[in-house]
Amino acid sequence: MSQVVVRNLEDGVKAGLKKRASLHGWSMEEEARQILRNAVLADSASSIPLGSRIAARFAGCGLDDDLPELHGQIITGMDFSS
């Protein structure tokens, strides 16, 4: 595995990292690994179109029924004139 050294890290950032690590129950080093891993994975996930990501996320939730009450109806905006 590779090593990364971060120099000149602000005290507030270090304190925040320490707090997050404590909340998750692991070391600051593991917290930094998790943050970096999630950032890199989020970048690679963004190459998948948003609609496909949303569909994949809710694929097993049983939300695949059509909305028959909307078929054939014209959708109009709300009337705020009164």
PDB file of N, CA and C in Angstrom:
ATOM      1  N   MET A   1       0.835  -1.187   0.000  1.00  0.00           N
ATOM      2  CA  MET A   1       0.000   0.000   0.000  1.00  0.00           C
ATOM      3  C   MET A   1       0.875   1.244   0.000  1.00  0.00           C
ATOM      4  N   SER A   2       0.341   2.295  -0.549  1.00  0.00           N
ATOM      5  CA  SER A   2       1.060   3.564  -0.626  1.00  0.00           C
ATOM      6  C   SER A   2       0.841   4.380   0.633  1.00  0.00           C
ATOM      7  N   GLN A   3       1.727   5.342   0.820  1.00  0.00           N
ATOM      8  CA  GLN A   3       1.599   6.272   1.937  1.00  0.00           C
ATOM      9  C   GLN A   3       1.494   7.680   1.390  1.00  0.00           C
ATOM     10  N   VAL A   4       0.731   8.511   2.094  1.00  0.00           N
ATOM     11  CA  VAL A   4       0.571   9.912   1.731  1.00  0.00           C
ATOM     12  C   VAL A   4       0.842  10.737   2.979  1.00  0.00           C
ATOM     13  N   VAL A   5       1.635  11.770   2.842  1.00  0.00           N
ATOM     14  CA  VAL A   5       1.917  12.686   3.948  1.00  0.00           C
ATOM     15  C   VAL A   5       1.292  14.025   3.599  1.00  0.00           C
ATOM     16  N   VAL A   6       0.507  14.560   4.528  1.00  0.00           N
ATOM     17  CA  VAL A   6      -0.124  15.861   4.322  1.00  0.00           C
ATOM     18  C   VAL A   6       0.539  16.847   5.268  1.00  0.00           C
ATOM     19  N   ARG A   7       1.193  17.835   4.700  1.00  0.00           N
ATOM     20  CA  ARG A   7       1.875  18.846   5.503  1.00  0.00           C
ATOM     21  C   ARG A   7       1.027  20.109   5.565  1.00  0.00           C
ATOM     22  N   ASN A   8       1.297  20.934   6.564  1.00  0.00           N
ATOM     23  CA  ASN A   8       0.658  22.243   6.731  1.00  0.00           C
ATOM     24  C   ASN A   8      -0.865  22.148   6.803  1.00  0.00           C
ATOM     25  N   LEU A   9      -1.359  21.147   7.499  1.00  0.00           N
ATOM     26  CA  LEU A   9      -2.790  20.993   7.703  1.00  0.00           C
ATOM     27  C   LEU A   9      -3.227  21.931   8.821  1.00  0.00           C
ATOM     28  N   GLU A  10      -4.263  22.723   8.573  1.00  0.00           N
ATOM     29  CA  GLU A  10      -4.734  23.677   9.573  1.00  0.00           C
ATOM     30  C   GLU A  10      -5.187  22.944  10.835  1.00  0.00           C
ATOM     31  N   ASP A  11      -5.013  23.598  11.981  1.00  0.00           N
ATOM     32  CA  ASP A  11      -5.387  22.991  13.257  1.00  0.00           C
ATOM     33  C   ASP A  11      -6.870  22.640  13.301  1.00  0.00           C
ATOM     34  N   GLY A  12      -7.706  23.505  12.742  1.00  0.00           N
ATOM     35  CA  GLY A  12      -9.143  23.243  12.737  1.00  0.00           C
ATOM     36  C   GLY A  12      -9.513  22.014  11.924  1.00  0.00           C
ATOM     37  N   VAL A  13      -8.811  21.816  10.819  1.00  0.00           N
ATOM     38  CA  VAL A  13      -9.065  20.643   9.981  1.00  0.00           C
ATOM     39  C   VAL A  13      -8.646  19.380  10.723  1.00  0.00           C
ATOM     40  N   LYS A  14      -7.500  19.443  11.376  1.00  0.00           N
ATOM     41  CA  LYS A  14      -7.027  18.285  12.139  1.00  0.00           C
ATOM     42  C   LYS A  14      -7.996  17.963  13.270  1.00  0.00           C
ATOM     43  N   ALA A  15      -8.483  18.998  13.958  1.00  0.00           N
ATOM     44  CA  ALA A  15      -9.432  18.786  15.053  1.00  0.00           C
ATOM     45  C   ALA A  15     -10.735  18.177  14.531  1.00  0.00           C
ATOM     46  N   GLY A  16     -11.192  18.666  13.377  1.00  0.00           N
ATOM     47  CA  GLY A  16     -12.406  18.108  12.784  1.00  0.00           C
ATOM     48  C   GLY A  16     -12.230  16.663  12.375  1.00  0.00           C
ATOM     49  N   LEU A  17     -11.071  16.347  11.829  1.00  0.00           N
ATOM     50  CA  LEU A  17     -10.773  14.974  11.440  1.00  0.00           C
ATOM     51  C   LEU A  17     -10.757  14.064  12.664  1.00  0.00           C
ATOM     52  N   LYS A  18     -10.154  14.553  13.734  1.00  0.00           N
ATOM     53  CA  LYS A  18     -10.090  13.784  14.978  1.00  0.00           C
ATOM     54  C   LYS A  18     -11.495  13.554  15.537  1.00  0.00           C
ATOM     55  N   LYS A  19     -12.343  14.578  15.466  1.00  0.00           N
ATOM     56  CA  LYS A  19     -13.716  14.462  15.973  1.00  0.00           C
ATOM     57  C   LYS A  19     -14.515  13.455  15.145  1.00  0.00           C
ATOM     58  N   ARG A  20     -14.393  13.555  13.807  1.00  0.00           N
ATOM     59  CA  ARG A  20     -15.100  12.606  12.937  1.00  0.00           C
ATOM     60  C   ARG A  20     -14.639  11.175  13.194  1.00  0.00           C
ATOM     61  N   ALA A  21     -13.326  11.002  13.367  1.00  0.00           N
ATOM     62  CA  ALA A  21     -12.785   9.668  13.633  1.00  0.00           C
ATOM     63  C   ALA A  21     -13.347   9.116  14.934  1.00  0.00           C
ATOM     64  N   SER A  22     -13.422   9.967  15.941  1.00  0.00           N
ATOM     65  CA  SER A  22     -13.960   9.553  17.234  1.00  0.00           C
ATOM     66  C   SER A  22     -15.427   9.142  17.114  1.00  0.00           C
ATOM     67  N   LEU A  23     -16.199   9.906  16.351  1.00  0.00           N
ATOM     68  CA  LEU A  23     -17.614   9.578  16.159  1.00  0.00           C
ATOM     69  C   LEU A  23     -17.795   8.234  15.457  1.00  0.00           C
ATOM     70  N   HIS A  24     -16.884   7.909  14.546  1.00  0.00           N
ATOM     71  CA  HIS A  24     -16.971   6.646  13.816  1.00  0.00           C
ATOM     72  C   HIS A  24     -16.287   5.494  14.552  1.00  0.00           C
ATOM     73  N   GLY A  25     -15.540   5.815  15.590  1.00  0.00           N
ATOM     74  CA  GLY A  25     -14.895   4.773  16.382  1.00  0.00           C
ATOM     75  C   GLY A  25     -13.634   4.206  15.768  1.00  0.00           C
ATOM     76  N   TRP A  26     -12.934   5.008  14.966  1.00  0.00           N
ATOM     77  CA  TRP A  26     -11.673   4.540  14.411  1.00  0.00           C
ATOM     78  C   TRP A  26     -10.629   5.641  14.465  1.00  0.00           C
ATOM     79  N   SER A  27      -9.433   5.329  14.001  1.00  0.00           N
ATOM     80  CA  SER A  27      -8.309   6.263  14.088  1.00  0.00           C
ATOM     81  C   SER A  27      -8.462   7.405  13.090  1.00  0.00           C
ATOM     82  N   MET A  28      -7.679   8.471  13.324  1.00  0.00           N
ATOM     83  CA  MET A  28      -7.657   9.586  12.376  1.00  0.00           C
ATOM     84  C   MET A  28      -7.163   9.107  11.014  1.00  0.00           C
ATOM     85  N   GLU A  29      -6.208   8.209  11.021  1.00  0.00           N
ATOM     86  CA  GLU A  29      -5.667   7.670   9.775  1.00  0.00           C
ATOM     87  C   GLU A  29      -6.748   6.934   8.983  1.00  0.00           C
ATOM     88  N   GLU A  30      -7.548   6.119   9.683  1.00  0.00           N
ATOM     89  CA  GLU A  30      -8.637   5.404   9.006  1.00  0.00           C
ATOM     90  C   GLU A  30      -9.702   6.380   8.518  1.00  0.00           C
ATOM     91  N   GLU A  31      -9.982   7.410   9.297  1.00  0.00           N
ATOM     92  CA  GLU A  31     -10.957   8.425   8.873  1.00  0.00           C
ATOM     93  C   GLU A  31     -10.489   9.107   7.589  1.00  0.00           C
ATOM     94  N   ALA A  32      -9.210   9.457   7.528  1.00  0.00           N
ATOM     95  CA  ALA A  32      -8.657  10.080   6.320  1.00  0.00           C
ATOM     96  C   ALA A  32      -8.752   9.122   5.135  1.00  0.00           C
ATOM     97  N   ARG A  33      -8.469   7.826   5.371  1.00  0.00           N
ATOM     98  CA  ARG A  33      -8.591   6.823   4.303  1.00  0.00           C
ATOM     99  C   ARG A  33     -10.025   6.755   3.784  1.00  0.00           C
ATOM    100  N   GLN A  34     -10.979   6.747   4.709  1.00  0.00           N
ATOM    101  CA  GLN A  34     -12.392   6.669   4.320  1.00  0.00           C
ATOM    102  C   GLN A  34     -12.810   7.896   3.506  1.00  0.00           C
ATOM    103  N   ILE A  35     -12.395   9.077   3.950  1.00  0.00           N
ATOM    104  CA  ILE A  35     -12.738  10.315   3.244  1.00  0.00           C
ATOM    105  C   ILE A  35     -12.157  10.292   1.833  1.00  0.00           C
ATOM    106  N   LEU A  36     -10.895   9.923   1.709  1.00  0.00           N
ATOM    107  CA  LEU A  36     -10.257   9.866   0.391  1.00  0.00           C
ATOM    108  C   LEU A  36     -10.913   8.813  -0.500  1.00  0.00           C
ATOM    109  N   ARG A  37     -11.183   7.637   0.071  1.00  0.00           N
ATOM    110  CA  ARG A  37     -11.815   6.560  -0.696  1.00  0.00           C
ATOM    111  C   ARG A  37     -13.184   7.003  -1.212  1.00  0.00           C
ATOM    112  N   ASN A  38     -13.997   7.606  -0.341  1.00  0.00           N
ATOM    113  CA  ASN A  38     -15.333   8.058  -0.742  1.00  0.00           C
ATOM    114  C   ASN A  38     -15.267   9.149  -1.799  1.00  0.00           C
ATOM    115  N   ALA A  39     -14.294  10.036  -1.690  1.00  0.00           N
ATOM    116  CA  ALA A  39     -14.150  11.110  -2.679  1.00  0.00           C
ATOM    117  C   ALA A  39     -13.791  10.541  -4.048  1.00  0.00           C
ATOM    118  N   VAL A  40     -12.895   9.571  -4.075  1.00  0.00           N
ATOM    119  CA  VAL A  40     -12.484   8.970  -5.346  1.00  0.00           C
ATOM    120  C   VAL A  40     -13.622   8.146  -5.942  1.00  0.00           C
ATOM    121  N   LEU A  41     -14.336   7.392  -5.105  1.00  0.00           N
ATOM    122  CA  LEU A  41     -15.451   6.595  -5.609  1.00  0.00           C
ATOM    123  C   LEU A  41     -16.581   7.485  -6.103  1.00  0.00           C
ATOM    124  N   ALA A  42     -16.813   8.617  -5.455  1.00  0.00           N
ATOM    125  CA  ALA A  42     -17.857   9.550  -5.893  1.00  0.00           C
ATOM    126  C   ALA A  42     -17.515  10.113  -7.264  1.00  0.00           C
ATOM    127  N   ASP A  43     -16.234  10.384  -7.506  1.00  0.00           N
ATOM    128  CA  ASP A  43     -15.817  10.877  -8.818  1.00  0.00           C
ATOM    129  C   ASP A  43     -16.074   9.838  -9.901  1.00  0.00           C
ATOM    130  N   SER A  44     -15.787   8.573  -9.600  1.00  0.00           N
ATOM    131  CA  SER A  44     -15.990   7.538 -10.613  1.00  0.00           C
ATOM    132  C   SER A  44     -17.473   7.258 -10.812  1.00  0.00           C
ATOM    133  N   ALA A  45     -18.287   7.431  -9.775  1.00  0.00           N
ATOM    134  CA  ALA A  45     -19.729   7.206  -9.904  1.00  0.00           C
ATOM    135  C   ALA A  45     -20.387   8.281 -10.747  1.00  0.00           C
ATOM    136  N   SER A  46     -19.790   9.465 -10.793  1.00  0.00           N
ATOM    137  CA  SER A  46     -20.411  10.551 -11.541  1.00  0.00           C
ATOM    138  C   SER A  46     -20.351  10.326 -13.051  1.00  0.00           C
ATOM    139  N   SER A  47     -19.582   9.335 -13.497  1.00  0.00           N
ATOM    140  CA  SER A  47     -19.558   9.036 -14.925  1.00  0.00           C
ATOM    141  C   SER A  47     -20.822   8.295 -15.353  1.00  0.00           C
ATOM    142  N   ILE A  48     -21.571   7.760 -14.380  1.00  0.00           N
ATOM    143  CA  ILE A  48     -22.850   7.115 -14.666  1.00  0.00           C
ATOM    144  C   ILE A  48     -23.916   8.203 -14.658  1.00  0.00           C
ATOM    145  N   PRO A  49     -24.775   8.262 -15.671  1.00  0.00           N
ATOM    146  CA  PRO A  49     -25.791   9.316 -15.722  1.00  0.00           C
ATOM    147  C   PRO A  49     -26.684   9.329 -14.475  1.00  0.00           C
ATOM    148  N   LEU A  50     -27.116  10.510 -14.078  1.00  0.00           N
ATOM    149  CA  LEU A  50     -27.899  10.685 -12.859  1.00  0.00           C
ATOM    150  C   LEU A  50     -29.163   9.830 -12.867  1.00  0.00           C
ATOM    151  N   GLY A  51     -29.894   9.832 -13.961  1.00  0.00           N
ATOM    152  CA  GLY A  51     -31.125   9.039 -14.027  1.00  0.00           C
ATOM    153  C   GLY A  51     -30.868   7.561 -13.797  1.00  0.00           C
ATOM    154  N   SER A  52     -29.780   7.061 -14.334  1.00  0.00           N
ATOM    155  CA  SER A  52     -29.421   5.652 -14.150  1.00  0.00           C
ATOM    156  C   SER A  52     -29.059   5.366 -12.700  1.00  0.00           C
ATOM    157  N   ARG A  53     -28.361   6.306 -12.057  1.00  0.00           N
ATOM    158  CA  ARG A  53     -28.016   6.121 -10.640  1.00  0.00           C
ATOM    159  C   ARG A  53     -29.263   6.124  -9.772  1.00  0.00           C
ATOM    160  N   ILE A  54     -30.213   7.027 -10.065  1.00  0.00           N
ATOM    161  CA  ILE A  54     -31.459   7.073  -9.292  1.00  0.00           C
ATOM    162  C   ILE A  54     -32.244   5.781  -9.498  1.00  0.00           C
ATOM    163  N   ALA A  55     -32.358   5.330 -10.740  1.00  0.00           N
ATOM    164  CA  ALA A  55     -33.088   4.094 -11.032  1.00  0.00           C
ATOM    165  C   ALA A  55     -32.458   2.902 -10.322  1.00  0.00           C
ATOM    166  N   ALA A  56     -31.136   2.825 -10.320  1.00  0.00           N
ATOM    167  CA  ALA A  56     -30.447   1.717  -9.655  1.00  0.00           C
ATOM    168  C   ALA A  56     -30.669   1.751  -8.149  1.00  0.00           C
ATOM    169  N   ARG A  57     -30.676   2.946  -7.592  1.00  0.00           N
ATOM    170  CA  ARG A  57     -30.841   3.069  -6.142  1.00  0.00           C
ATOM    171  C   ARG A  57     -32.209   2.572  -5.685  1.00  0.00           C
ATOM    172  N   PHE A  58     -33.255   2.821  -6.476  1.00  0.00           N
ATOM    173  CA  PHE A  58     -34.611   2.460  -6.074  1.00  0.00           C
ATOM    174  C   PHE A  58     -35.147   1.234  -6.813  1.00  0.00           C
ATOM    175  N   ALA A  59     -34.276   0.487  -7.472  1.00  0.00           N
ATOM    176  CA  ALA A  59     -34.702  -0.655  -8.284  1.00  0.00           C
ATOM    177  C   ALA A  59     -35.446  -1.706  -7.468  1.00  0.00           C
ATOM    178  N   GLY A  60     -35.025  -1.988  -6.269  1.00  0.00           N
ATOM    179  CA  GLY A  60     -35.645  -3.045  -5.472  1.00  0.00           C
ATOM    180  C   GLY A  60     -36.706  -2.571  -4.505  1.00  0.00           C
ATOM    181  N   CYS A  61     -37.199  -1.373  -4.651  1.00  0.00           N
ATOM    182  CA  CYS A  61     -38.150  -0.793  -3.689  1.00  0.00           C
ATOM    183  C   CYS A  61     -39.607  -0.976  -4.084  1.00  0.00           C
ATOM    184  N   GLY A  62     -39.879  -1.607  -5.200  1.00  0.00           N
ATOM    185  CA  GLY A  62     -41.252  -1.805  -5.625  1.00  0.00           C
ATOM    186  C   GLY A  62     -41.912  -0.553  -6.163  1.00  0.00           C
ATOM    187  N   LEU A  63     -41.131   0.361  -6.688  1.00  0.00           N
ATOM    188  CA  LEU A  63     -41.675   1.605  -7.227  1.00  0.00           C
ATOM    189  C   LEU A  63     -41.775   1.542  -8.749  1.00  0.00           C
ATOM    190  N   ASP A  64     -42.160   0.394  -9.270  1.00  0.00           N
ATOM    191  CA  ASP A  64     -42.176   0.232 -10.718  1.00  0.00           C
ATOM    192  C   ASP A  64     -43.579   0.293 -11.321  1.00  0.00           C
ATOM    193  N   ASP A  65     -44.606   0.582 -10.513  1.00  0.00           N
ATOM    194  CA  ASP A  65     -45.971   0.694 -11.036  1.00  0.00           C
ATOM    195  C   ASP A  65     -46.151   2.011 -11.770  1.00  0.00           C
ATOM    196  N   ASP A  66     -46.954   1.963 -12.832  1.00  0.00           N
ATOM    197  CA  ASP A  66     -47.300   3.189 -13.539  1.00  0.00           C
ATOM    198  C   ASP A  66     -48.261   4.009 -12.685  1.00  0.00           C
ATOM    199  N   LEU A  67     -48.417   5.256 -13.034  1.00  0.00           N
ATOM    200  CA  LEU A  67     -49.360   6.126 -12.349  1.00  0.00           C
ATOM    201  C   LEU A  67     -50.570   6.311 -13.263  1.00  0.00           C
ATOM    202  N   PRO A  68     -51.549   5.412 -13.200  1.00  0.00           N
ATOM    203  CA  PRO A  68     -52.659   5.446 -14.155  1.00  0.00           C
ATOM    204  C   PRO A  68     -53.502   6.714 -14.059  1.00  0.00           C
ATOM    205  N   GLU A  69     -53.520   7.359 -12.919  1.00  0.00           N
ATOM    206  CA  GLU A  69     -54.324   8.572 -12.782  1.00  0.00           C
ATOM    207  C   GLU A  69     -53.779   9.728 -13.614  1.00  0.00           C
ATOM    208  N   LEU A  70     -52.565   9.633 -14.116  1.00  0.00           N
ATOM    209  CA  LEU A  70     -51.988  10.698 -14.928  1.00  0.00           C
ATOM    210  C   LEU A  70     -52.059  10.415 -16.427  1.00  0.00           C
ATOM    211  N   HIS A  71     -52.303   9.180 -16.812  1.00  0.00           N
ATOM    212  CA  HIS A  71     -52.313   8.837 -18.236  1.00  0.00           C
ATOM    213  C   HIS A  71     -53.470   9.535 -18.944  1.00  0.00           C
ATOM    214  N   GLY A  72     -53.161  10.231 -20.006  1.00  0.00           N
ATOM    215  CA  GLY A  72     -54.165  10.899 -20.812  1.00  0.00           C
ATOM    216  C   GLY A  72     -54.629  12.239 -20.280  1.00  0.00           C
ATOM    217  N   GLN A  73     -54.107  12.677 -19.145  1.00  0.00           N
ATOM    218  CA  GLN A  73     -54.504  13.965 -18.581  1.00  0.00           C
ATOM    219  C   GLN A  73     -53.475  15.022 -18.928  1.00  0.00           C
ATOM    220  N   ILE A  74     -53.951  16.219 -19.123  1.00  0.00           N
ATOM    221  CA  ILE A  74     -53.051  17.341 -19.369  1.00  0.00           C
ATOM    222  C   ILE A  74     -52.671  17.939 -18.017  1.00  0.00           C
ATOM    223  N   ILE A  75     -51.405  18.066 -17.784  1.00  0.00           N
ATOM    224  CA  ILE A  75     -50.911  18.620 -16.528  1.00  0.00           C
ATOM    225  C   ILE A  75     -50.858  20.136 -16.663  1.00  0.00           C
ATOM    226  N   THR A  76     -51.492  20.824 -15.739  1.00  0.00           N
ATOM    227  CA  THR A  76     -51.470  22.294 -15.753  1.00  0.00           C
ATOM    228  C   THR A  76     -50.845  22.797 -14.465  1.00  0.00           C
ATOM    229  N   GLY A  77     -50.362  24.005 -14.503  1.00  0.00           N
ATOM    230  CA  GLY A  77     -49.755  24.610 -13.324  1.00  0.00           C
ATOM    231  C   GLY A  77     -50.803  25.060 -12.321  1.00  0.00           C
ATOM    232  N   MET A  78     -50.367  25.347 -11.116  1.00  0.00           N
ATOM    233  CA  MET A  78     -51.239  25.810 -10.046  1.00  0.00           C
ATOM    234  C   MET A  78     -51.723  27.224 -10.354  1.00  0.00           C
ATOM    235  N   ASP A  79     -53.000  27.500 -10.052  1.00  0.00           N
ATOM    236  CA  ASP A  79     -53.573  28.827 -10.276  1.00  0.00           C
ATOM    237  C   ASP A  79     -53.464  29.638  -8.984  1.00  0.00           C
ATOM    238  N   PHE A  80     -52.630  30.666  -8.983  1.00  0.00           N
ATOM    239  CA  PHE A  80     -52.428  31.510  -7.810  1.00  0.00           C
ATOM    240  C   PHE A  80     -53.125  32.866  -7.947  1.00  0.00           C
ATOM    241  N   SER A  81     -54.069  32.988  -8.864  1.00  0.00           N
ATOM    242  CA  SER A  81     -54.672  34.294  -9.145  1.00  0.00           C
ATOM    243  C   SER A  81     -55.681  34.740  -8.094  1.00  0.00           C
ATOM    244  N   SER A  82     -56.183  33.881  -7.259  1.00  0.00           N
ATOM    245  CA  SER A  82     -57.209  34.305  -6.303  1.00  0.00           C
ATOM    246  C   SER A  82     -56.679  34.898  -5.050  1.00  0.00           C
TER     247      SER A  82
END
